[in-house]
Amino acid sequence: MPIMRKERQRRPNLEQAFGRPAGDEKPTQERVAQLAYQLYQKRGGEHGRDWEDWFNAEEILIQGGKCP
C-alpha cells in the first residue's frame, strides 16, 4: 500500500502578509550601488557627494525608475 503524503500548504509571502504590495520590493544593495556609481559618473566623478548619490539611487529604484 503506497504511503500518501500530506500536501504542504504554501506559506504566504511575509511582505504580502504584512500588507506590502508584491511589486513593492526593496532594491538590493548591489543594484543601489551600481546606480549610485552611474550617477557619480554622470555628474563628472565629483567627490564628496557619495551619500547624495546613494540616496538618489535608492529613490529612483523604489519609484521604479530605470538607470539614466
Protein backbone atom coordinates (compact mmCIF):
# COMPACT_ATOMS: atom_id res chain seq x y z
CA MET A 1 0.00 0.00 0.00
CA PRO A 2 1.53 3.34 -1.05
CA ILE A 3 2.09 5.98 1.58
CA MET A 4 0.05 9.09 0.97
CA ARG A 5 1.93 12.30 1.56
CA LYS A 6 0.15 15.20 3.07
CA GLU A 7 0.21 18.13 0.69
CA ARG A 8 2.17 21.04 2.11
CA GLN A 9 0.38 24.32 2.34
CA ARG A 10 2.18 27.28 0.84
CA ARG A 11 3.20 29.88 3.32
CA PRO A 12 2.21 33.42 2.41
CA ASN A 13 4.96 35.80 1.43
CA LEU A 14 5.83 37.79 4.55
CA GLU A 15 5.68 41.07 2.68
CA GLN A 16 2.21 40.19 1.41
CA ALA A 17 1.16 39.02 4.87
CA PHE A 18 2.05 42.41 6.34
CA GLY A 19 0.16 44.34 3.70
CA ARG A 20 3.02 45.32 1.43
CA PRO A 21 2.23 45.06 -2.29
CA ALA A 22 4.04 42.23 -4.06
CA GLY A 23 5.74 44.57 -6.54
CA ASP A 24 6.95 46.94 -3.81
CA GLU A 25 10.27 45.26 -3.16
CA LYS A 26 13.25 46.95 -1.59
CA PRO A 27 16.10 47.35 -4.09
CA THR A 28 19.17 45.24 -3.42
CA GLN A 29 22.33 46.85 -2.08
CA GLU A 30 24.17 45.73 -5.23
CA ARG A 31 21.62 47.40 -7.51
CA VAL A 32 21.68 50.64 -5.49
CA ALA A 33 25.49 50.66 -5.60
CA GLN A 34 25.50 50.19 -9.38
CA LEU A 35 23.08 53.04 -9.95
CA ALA A 36 24.84 55.31 -7.42
CA TYR A 37 28.10 54.76 -9.30
CA GLN A 38 26.39 55.60 -12.59
CA LEU A 39 25.03 58.81 -11.06
CA TYR A 40 28.54 59.64 -9.80
CA GLN A 41 29.98 59.12 -13.27
CA LYS A 42 27.17 61.08 -14.93
CA ARG A 43 27.96 64.19 -12.90
CA GLY A 44 31.66 64.01 -13.76
CA GLY A 45 33.06 61.99 -10.87
CA GLU A 46 32.98 64.84 -8.35
CA HIS A 47 33.99 63.50 -4.94
CA GLY A 48 32.22 64.18 -1.65
CA ARG A 49 28.64 63.51 -2.74
CA ASP A 50 28.52 59.74 -2.26
CA TRP A 51 25.64 59.83 0.22
CA GLU A 52 23.62 62.00 -2.13
CA ASP A 53 24.25 59.56 -5.00
CA TRP A 54 23.27 56.61 -2.81
CA PHE A 55 20.00 58.14 -1.61
CA ASN A 56 19.11 59.34 -5.10
CA ALA A 57 19.75 55.84 -6.46
CA GLU A 58 17.51 54.30 -3.77
CA GLU A 59 14.74 56.76 -4.55
CA ILE A 60 14.95 56.12 -8.29
CA LEU A 61 14.79 52.35 -7.80
CA ILE A 62 11.96 52.47 -5.25
CA GLN A 63 9.89 54.57 -7.65
CA GLY A 64 10.51 52.03 -10.38
CA GLY A 65 12.81 54.22 -12.43
CA LYS A 66 15.43 52.95 -14.80
CA CYS A 67 19.12 53.75 -14.88
CA PRO A 68 19.97 57.03 -16.56
